[in-house]
Amino acid sequence: MFSATWPSGVRDLALNFQTSPVFLNVGSMQLSANHNIEQKVEVIDEYAKVGRFFQILEEIMKTVSSFIYCCMYVN
């Protein structure tokens, strides 16, 4: 489990799903997330992921500043 931020909700998840979670901090603990960032989550069929990913890339390449963070859950 990885997180770019470490709010209390993420800490709780780590404690619920892992027996010995490790916290690794890179940088300052005084920094906070930019609240102007828009985040979207899409849950789609496994076989549609690659096509949707390229569709999103095509859409966001029209903008100047975009970042995609992908997380895959394997059961």
PDB file of N, CA and C in Angstrom:
ATOM      1  N   MET A   1       0.852  -1.172   0.000  1.00  0.00           N
ATOM      2  CA  MET A   1       0.000   0.000   0.000  1.00  0.00           C
ATOM      3  C   MET A   1       0.891   1.227   0.000  1.00  0.00           C
ATOM      4  N   PHE A   2       0.658   2.120  -0.951  1.00  0.00           N
ATOM      5  CA  PHE A   2       1.447   3.333  -1.063  1.00  0.00           C
ATOM      6  C   PHE A   2       0.509   4.532  -1.045  1.00  0.00           C
ATOM      7  N   SER A   3       0.964   5.630  -0.492  1.00  0.00           N
ATOM      8  CA  SER A   3       0.163   6.847  -0.499  1.00  0.00           C
ATOM      9  C   SER A   3       1.092   8.045  -0.618  1.00  0.00           C
ATOM     10  N   ALA A   4       0.714   8.988  -1.490  1.00  0.00           N
ATOM     11  CA  ALA A   4       1.491  10.215  -1.624  1.00  0.00           C
ATOM     12  C   ALA A   4       1.260  11.120  -0.423  1.00  0.00           C
ATOM     13  N   THR A   5       0.159  10.922   0.262  1.00  0.00           N
ATOM     14  CA  THR A   5      -0.138  11.670   1.485  1.00  0.00           C
ATOM     15  C   THR A   5      -0.410  10.664   2.588  1.00  0.00           C
ATOM     16  N   TRP A   6      -0.461  11.117   3.815  1.00  0.00           N
ATOM     17  CA  TRP A   6      -0.628  10.196   4.938  1.00  0.00           C
ATOM     18  C   TRP A   6      -1.653  10.740   5.931  1.00  0.00           C
ATOM     19  N   PRO A   7      -2.877  11.055   5.438  1.00  0.00           N
ATOM     20  CA  PRO A   7      -3.901  11.530   6.366  1.00  0.00           C
ATOM     21  C   PRO A   7      -4.380  10.399   7.268  1.00  0.00           C
ATOM     22  N   SER A   8      -5.172  10.736   8.268  1.00  0.00           N
ATOM     23  CA  SER A   8      -5.610   9.731   9.241  1.00  0.00           C
ATOM     24  C   SER A   8      -6.373   8.581   8.583  1.00  0.00           C
ATOM     25  N   GLY A   9      -7.147   8.860   7.534  1.00  0.00           N
ATOM     26  CA  GLY A   9      -7.868   7.790   6.844  1.00  0.00           C
ATOM     27  C   GLY A   9      -6.944   6.760   6.230  1.00  0.00           C
ATOM     28  N   VAL A  10      -5.837   7.212   5.656  1.00  0.00           N
ATOM     29  CA  VAL A  10      -4.857   6.299   5.063  1.00  0.00           C
ATOM     30  C   VAL A  10      -4.145   5.511   6.162  1.00  0.00           C
ATOM     31  N   ARG A  11      -3.827   6.168   7.250  1.00  0.00           N
ATOM     32  CA  ARG A  11      -3.200   5.466   8.381  1.00  0.00           C
ATOM     33  C   ARG A  11      -4.125   4.362   8.898  1.00  0.00           C
ATOM     34  N   ASP A  12      -5.418   4.676   9.019  1.00  0.00           N
ATOM     35  CA  ASP A  12      -6.378   3.674   9.484  1.00  0.00           C
ATOM     36  C   ASP A  12      -6.453   2.482   8.532  1.00  0.00           C
ATOM     37  N   LEU A  13      -6.449   2.759   7.218  1.00  0.00           N
ATOM     38  CA  LEU A  13      -6.462   1.673   6.240  1.00  0.00           C
ATOM     39  C   LEU A  13      -5.233   0.788   6.390  1.00  0.00           C
ATOM     40  N   ALA A  14      -4.081   1.409   6.549  1.00  0.00           N
ATOM     41  CA  ALA A  14      -2.843   0.644   6.691  1.00  0.00           C
ATOM     42  C   ALA A  14      -2.922  -0.271   7.906  1.00  0.00           C
ATOM     43  N   LEU A  15      -3.453   0.241   8.992  1.00  0.00           N
ATOM     44  CA  LEU A  15      -3.555  -0.580  10.205  1.00  0.00           C
ATOM     45  C   LEU A  15      -4.575  -1.697  10.056  1.00  0.00           C
ATOM     46  N   ASN A  16      -5.638  -1.461   9.265  1.00  0.00           N
ATOM     47  CA  ASN A  16      -6.665  -2.489   9.071  1.00  0.00           C
ATOM     48  C   ASN A  16      -6.235  -3.598   8.119  1.00  0.00           C
ATOM     49  N   PHE A  17      -5.416  -3.267   7.111  1.00  0.00           N
ATOM     50  CA  PHE A  17      -5.090  -4.234   6.071  1.00  0.00           C
ATOM     51  C   PHE A  17      -3.682  -4.810   6.167  1.00  0.00           C
ATOM     52  N   GLN A  18      -2.848  -4.251   7.010  1.00  0.00           N
ATOM     53  CA  GLN A  18      -1.479  -4.736   7.106  1.00  0.00           C
ATOM     54  C   GLN A  18      -1.136  -5.037   8.551  1.00  0.00           C
ATOM     55  N   THR A  19      -0.318  -6.066   8.746  1.00  0.00           N
ATOM     56  CA  THR A  19       0.033  -6.436  10.107  1.00  0.00           C
ATOM     57  C   THR A  19       1.161  -5.581  10.674  1.00  0.00           C
ATOM     58  N   SER A  20       2.086  -5.143   9.829  1.00  0.00           N
ATOM     59  CA  SER A  20       3.209  -4.321  10.290  1.00  0.00           C
ATOM     60  C   SER A  20       3.473  -3.202   9.287  1.00  0.00           C
ATOM     61  N   PRO A  21       2.578  -2.220   9.191  1.00  0.00           N
ATOM     62  CA  PRO A  21       2.804  -1.155   8.212  1.00  0.00           C
ATOM     63  C   PRO A  21       4.034  -0.332   8.546  1.00  0.00           C
ATOM     64  N   VAL A  22       4.713   0.146   7.514  1.00  0.00           N
ATOM     65  CA  VAL A  22       5.915   0.969   7.683  1.00  0.00           C
ATOM     66  C   VAL A  22       5.638   2.335   7.081  1.00  0.00           C
ATOM     67  N   PHE A  23       5.983   3.371   7.809  1.00  0.00           N
ATOM     68  CA  PHE A  23       5.816   4.735   7.322  1.00  0.00           C
ATOM     69  C   PHE A  23       7.177   5.251   6.878  1.00  0.00           C
ATOM     70  N   LEU A  24       7.280   5.669   5.629  1.00  0.00           N
ATOM     71  CA  LEU A  24       8.505   6.237   5.087  1.00  0.00           C
ATOM     72  C   LEU A  24       8.193   7.642   4.610  1.00  0.00           C
ATOM     73  N   ASN A  25       8.886   8.619   5.149  1.00  0.00           N
ATOM     74  CA  ASN A  25       8.658  10.000   4.762  1.00  0.00           C
ATOM     75  C   ASN A  25       9.845  10.512   3.966  1.00  0.00           C
ATOM     76  N   VAL A  26       9.563  11.124   2.824  1.00  0.00           N
ATOM     77  CA  VAL A  26      10.590  11.766   2.012  1.00  0.00           C
ATOM     78  C   VAL A  26      10.215  13.229   1.922  1.00  0.00           C
ATOM     79  N   GLY A  27      11.030  14.098   2.460  1.00  0.00           N
ATOM     80  CA  GLY A  27      10.710  15.526   2.442  1.00  0.00           C
ATOM     81  C   GLY A  27      10.214  15.991   3.799  1.00  0.00           C
ATOM     82  N   SER A  28       9.536  17.101   3.803  1.00  0.00           N
ATOM     83  CA  SER A  28       9.084  17.739   5.030  1.00  0.00           C
ATOM     84  C   SER A  28       7.726  17.226   5.474  1.00  0.00           C
ATOM     85  N   MET A  29       7.565  17.025   6.765  1.00  0.00           N
ATOM     86  CA  MET A  29       6.265  16.651   7.317  1.00  0.00           C
ATOM     87  C   MET A  29       5.353  17.871   7.420  1.00  0.00           C
ATOM     88  N   GLN A  30       5.901  19.071   7.195  1.00  0.00           N
ATOM     89  CA  GLN A  30       5.127  20.300   7.311  1.00  0.00           C
ATOM     90  C   GLN A  30       4.344  20.619   6.031  1.00  0.00           C
ATOM     91  N   LEU A  31       4.634  19.933   4.938  1.00  0.00           N
ATOM     92  CA  LEU A  31       3.951  20.195   3.676  1.00  0.00           C
ATOM     93  C   LEU A  31       2.541  19.624   3.716  1.00  0.00           C
ATOM     94  N   SER A  32       1.642  20.217   2.956  1.00  0.00           N
ATOM     95  CA  SER A  32       0.282  19.704   2.869  1.00  0.00           C
ATOM     96  C   SER A  32      -0.135  19.641   1.405  1.00  0.00           C
ATOM     97  N   ALA A  33      -1.163  18.872   1.139  1.00  0.00           N
ATOM     98  CA  ALA A  33      -1.657  18.712  -0.234  1.00  0.00           C
ATOM     99  C   ALA A  33      -2.317  20.001  -0.701  1.00  0.00           C
ATOM    100  N   ASN A  34      -2.247  20.238  -1.990  1.00  0.00           N
ATOM    101  CA  ASN A  34      -2.918  21.378  -2.603  1.00  0.00           C
ATOM    102  C   ASN A  34      -4.401  21.045  -2.740  1.00  0.00           C
ATOM    103  N   HIS A  35      -5.260  21.828  -2.115  1.00  0.00           N
ATOM    104  CA  HIS A  35      -6.693  21.528  -2.114  1.00  0.00           C
ATOM    105  C   HIS A  35      -7.370  21.927  -3.427  1.00  0.00           C
ATOM    106  N   ASN A  36      -6.634  22.535  -4.352  1.00  0.00           N
ATOM    107  CA  ASN A  36      -7.183  22.901  -5.652  1.00  0.00           C
ATOM    108  C   ASN A  36      -7.048  21.781  -6.683  1.00  0.00           C
ATOM    109  N   ILE A  37      -6.462  20.681  -6.289  1.00  0.00           N
ATOM    110  CA  ILE A  37      -6.255  19.560  -7.203  1.00  0.00           C
ATOM    111  C   ILE A  37      -7.547  18.751  -7.310  1.00  0.00           C
ATOM    112  N   GLU A  38      -7.911  18.440  -8.528  1.00  0.00           N
ATOM    113  CA  GLU A  38      -9.102  17.630  -8.779  1.00  0.00           C
ATOM    114  C   GLU A  38      -8.692  16.170  -8.905  1.00  0.00           C
ATOM    115  N   GLN A  39      -9.352  15.296  -8.156  1.00  0.00           N
ATOM    116  CA  GLN A  39      -9.042  13.878  -8.215  1.00  0.00           C
ATOM    117  C   GLN A  39     -10.275  13.124  -8.703  1.00  0.00           C
ATOM    118  N   LYS A  40     -10.047  12.155  -9.572  1.00  0.00           N
ATOM    119  CA  LYS A  40     -11.130  11.331 -10.095  1.00  0.00           C
ATOM    120  C   LYS A  40     -10.765   9.870  -9.910  1.00  0.00           C
ATOM    121  N   VAL A  41     -11.743   9.073  -9.569  1.00  0.00           N
ATOM    122  CA  VAL A  41     -11.545   7.636  -9.415  1.00  0.00           C
ATOM    123  C   VAL A  41     -12.515   6.933 -10.351  1.00  0.00           C
ATOM    124  N   GLU A  42     -12.012   6.002 -11.129  1.00  0.00           N
ATOM    125  CA  GLU A  42     -12.854   5.205 -12.019  1.00  0.00           C
ATOM    126  C   GLU A  42     -12.605   3.734 -11.732  1.00  0.00           C
ATOM    127  N   VAL A  43     -13.658   3.004 -11.541  1.00  0.00           N
ATOM    128  CA  VAL A  43     -13.568   1.555 -11.374  1.00  0.00           C
ATOM    129  C   VAL A  43     -14.175   0.951 -12.629  1.00  0.00           C
ATOM    130  N   ILE A  44     -13.341   0.250 -13.390  1.00  0.00           N
ATOM    131  CA  ILE A  44     -13.805  -0.308 -14.666  1.00  0.00           C
ATOM    132  C   ILE A  44     -13.352  -1.749 -14.806  1.00  0.00           C
ATOM    133  N   ASP A  45     -13.915  -2.417 -15.812  1.00  0.00           N
ATOM    134  CA  ASP A  45     -13.569  -3.801 -16.099  1.00  0.00           C
ATOM    135  C   ASP A  45     -12.080  -3.931 -16.408  1.00  0.00           C
ATOM    136  N   GLU A  46     -11.501  -5.012 -15.985  1.00  0.00           N
ATOM    137  CA  GLU A  46     -10.060  -5.258 -16.165  1.00  0.00           C
ATOM    138  C   GLU A  46      -9.615  -5.083 -17.613  1.00  0.00           C
ATOM    139  N   TYR A  47     -10.413  -5.576 -18.544  1.00  0.00           N
ATOM    140  CA  TYR A  47     -10.008  -5.547 -19.952  1.00  0.00           C
ATOM    141  C   TYR A  47     -10.205  -4.182 -20.608  1.00  0.00           C
ATOM    142  N   ALA A  48     -10.894  -3.275 -19.924  1.00  0.00           N
ATOM    143  CA  ALA A  48     -11.120  -1.935 -20.466  1.00  0.00           C
ATOM    144  C   ALA A  48     -10.088  -0.925 -19.969  1.00  0.00           C
ATOM    145  N   LYS A  49      -9.236  -1.334 -19.039  1.00  0.00           N
ATOM    146  CA  LYS A  49      -8.309  -0.397 -18.400  1.00  0.00           C
ATOM    147  C   LYS A  49      -7.325   0.250 -19.363  1.00  0.00           C
ATOM    148  N   VAL A  50      -6.704  -0.532 -20.217  1.00  0.00           N
ATOM    149  CA  VAL A  50      -5.678   0.021 -21.115  1.00  0.00           C
ATOM    150  C   VAL A  50      -6.298   1.019 -22.089  1.00  0.00           C
ATOM    151  N   GLY A  51      -7.418   0.652 -22.683  1.00  0.00           N
ATOM    152  CA  GLY A  51      -8.090   1.560 -23.602  1.00  0.00           C
ATOM    153  C   GLY A  51      -8.521   2.844 -22.928  1.00  0.00           C
ATOM    154  N   ARG A  52      -9.070   2.735 -21.695  1.00  0.00           N
ATOM    155  CA  ARG A  52      -9.504   3.925 -20.967  1.00  0.00           C
ATOM    156  C   ARG A  52      -8.309   4.784 -20.578  1.00  0.00           C
ATOM    157  N   PHE A  53      -7.210   4.156 -20.197  1.00  0.00           N
ATOM    158  CA  PHE A  53      -6.001   4.892 -19.836  1.00  0.00           C
ATOM    159  C   PHE A  53      -5.518   5.751 -21.004  1.00  0.00           C
ATOM    160  N   PHE A  54      -5.462   5.171 -22.195  1.00  0.00           N
ATOM    161  CA  PHE A  54      -5.018   5.941 -23.364  1.00  0.00           C
ATOM    162  C   PHE A  54      -6.027   7.018 -23.752  1.00  0.00           C
ATOM    163  N   GLN A  55      -7.302   6.753 -23.529  1.00  0.00           N
ATOM    164  CA  GLN A  55      -8.323   7.766 -23.776  1.00  0.00           C
ATOM    165  C   GLN A  55      -8.128   8.960 -22.838  1.00  0.00           C
ATOM    166  N   ILE A  56      -7.866   8.686 -21.571  1.00  0.00           N
ATOM    167  CA  ILE A  56      -7.610   9.757 -20.601  1.00  0.00           C
ATOM    168  C   ILE A  56      -6.345  10.522 -20.975  1.00  0.00           C
ATOM    169  N   LEU A  57      -5.284   9.787 -21.344  1.00  0.00           N
ATOM    170  CA  LEU A  57      -4.045  10.458 -21.748  1.00  0.00           C
ATOM    171  C   LEU A  57      -4.278  11.413 -22.912  1.00  0.00           C
ATOM    172  N   GLU A  58      -5.038  10.959 -23.886  1.00  0.00           N
ATOM    173  CA  GLU A  58      -5.327  11.798 -25.053  1.00  0.00           C
ATOM    174  C   GLU A  58      -6.071  13.068 -24.637  1.00  0.00           C
ATOM    175  N   GLU A  59      -7.012  12.939 -23.704  1.00  0.00           N
ATOM    176  CA  GLU A  59      -7.781  14.090 -23.230  1.00  0.00           C
ATOM    177  C   GLU A  59      -6.916  15.074 -22.446  1.00  0.00           C
ATOM    178  N   ILE A  60      -6.085  14.567 -21.550  1.00  0.00           N
ATOM    179  CA  ILE A  60      -5.336  15.481 -20.682  1.00  0.00           C
ATOM    180  C   ILE A  60      -4.105  16.071 -21.355  1.00  0.00           C
ATOM    181  N   MET A  61      -3.648  15.484 -22.448  1.00  0.00           N
ATOM    182  CA  MET A  61      -2.482  16.046 -23.136  1.00  0.00           C
ATOM    183  C   MET A  61      -2.810  17.413 -23.735  1.00  0.00           C
ATOM    184  N   LYS A  62      -4.079  17.761 -23.786  1.00  0.00           N
ATOM    185  CA  LYS A  62      -4.495  19.072 -24.268  1.00  0.00           C
ATOM    186  C   LYS A  62      -4.276  20.151 -23.210  1.00  0.00           C
ATOM    187  N   THR A  63      -4.090  19.755 -21.961  1.00  0.00           N
ATOM    188  CA  THR A  63      -3.871  20.707 -20.873  1.00  0.00           C
ATOM    189  C   THR A  63      -2.388  20.814 -20.574  1.00  0.00           C
ATOM    190  N   VAL A  64      -2.019  21.822 -19.826  1.00  0.00           N
ATOM    191  CA  VAL A  64      -0.601  22.073 -19.538  1.00  0.00           C
ATOM    192  C   VAL A  64      -0.103  21.223 -18.380  1.00  0.00           C
ATOM    193  N   SER A  65      -0.852  21.154 -17.291  1.00  0.00           N
ATOM    194  CA  SER A  65      -0.351  20.441 -16.117  1.00  0.00           C
ATOM    195  C   SER A  65      -1.298  19.313 -15.715  1.00  0.00           C
ATOM    196  N   SER A  66      -0.843  18.109 -15.929  1.00  0.00           N
ATOM    197  CA  SER A  66      -1.638  16.929 -15.580  1.00  0.00           C
ATOM    198  C   SER A  66      -0.725  15.875 -14.991  1.00  0.00           C
ATOM    199  N   PHE A  67      -1.282  15.079 -14.094  1.00  0.00           N
ATOM    200  CA  PHE A  67      -0.533  14.019 -13.448  1.00  0.00           C
ATOM    201  C   PHE A  67      -1.478  12.848 -13.246  1.00  0.00           C
ATOM    202  N   ILE A  68      -1.029  11.663 -13.589  1.00  0.00           N
ATOM    203  CA  ILE A  68      -1.848  10.468 -13.402  1.00  0.00           C
ATOM    204  C   ILE A  68      -1.157   9.565 -12.385  1.00  0.00           C
ATOM    205  N   TYR A  69      -1.891   9.185 -11.360  1.00  0.00           N
ATOM    206  CA  TYR A  69      -1.408   8.260 -10.345  1.00  0.00           C
ATOM    207  C   TYR A  69      -2.283   7.023 -10.436  1.00  0.00           C
ATOM    208  N   CYS A  70      -1.694   5.889 -10.746  1.00  0.00           N
ATOM    209  CA  CYS A  70      -2.465   4.659 -10.923  1.00  0.00           C
ATOM    210  C   CYS A  70      -2.216   3.707  -9.775  1.00  0.00           C
ATOM    211  N   CYS A  71      -3.257   3.085  -9.347  1.00  0.00           N
ATOM    212  CA  CYS A  71      -3.153   2.083  -8.288  1.00  0.00           C
ATOM    213  C   CYS A  71      -3.940   0.871  -8.746  1.00  0.00           C
ATOM    214  N   MET A  72      -3.329  -0.295  -8.675  1.00  0.00           N
ATOM    215  CA  MET A  72      -4.012  -1.512  -9.076  1.00  0.00           C
ATOM    216  C   MET A  72      -4.179  -2.401  -7.857  1.00  0.00           C
ATOM    217  N   TYR A  73      -5.363  -2.922  -7.708  1.00  0.00           N
ATOM    218  CA  TYR A  73      -5.651  -3.861  -6.623  1.00  0.00           C
ATOM    219  C   TYR A  73      -5.677  -5.261  -7.208  1.00  0.00           C
ATOM    220  N   VAL A  74      -4.887  -6.145  -6.644  1.00  0.00           N
ATOM    221  CA  VAL A  74      -4.848  -7.531  -7.098  1.00  0.00           C
ATOM    222  C   VAL A  74      -5.375  -8.394  -5.966  1.00  0.00           C
ATOM    223  N   ASN A  75      -6.408  -9.150  -6.248  1.00  0.00           N
ATOM    224  CA  ASN A  75      -7.024  -9.980  -5.233  1.00  0.00           C
ATOM    225  C   ASN A  75      -6.402 -11.346  -5.213  1.00  0.00           C
TER     226      ASN A  75
END
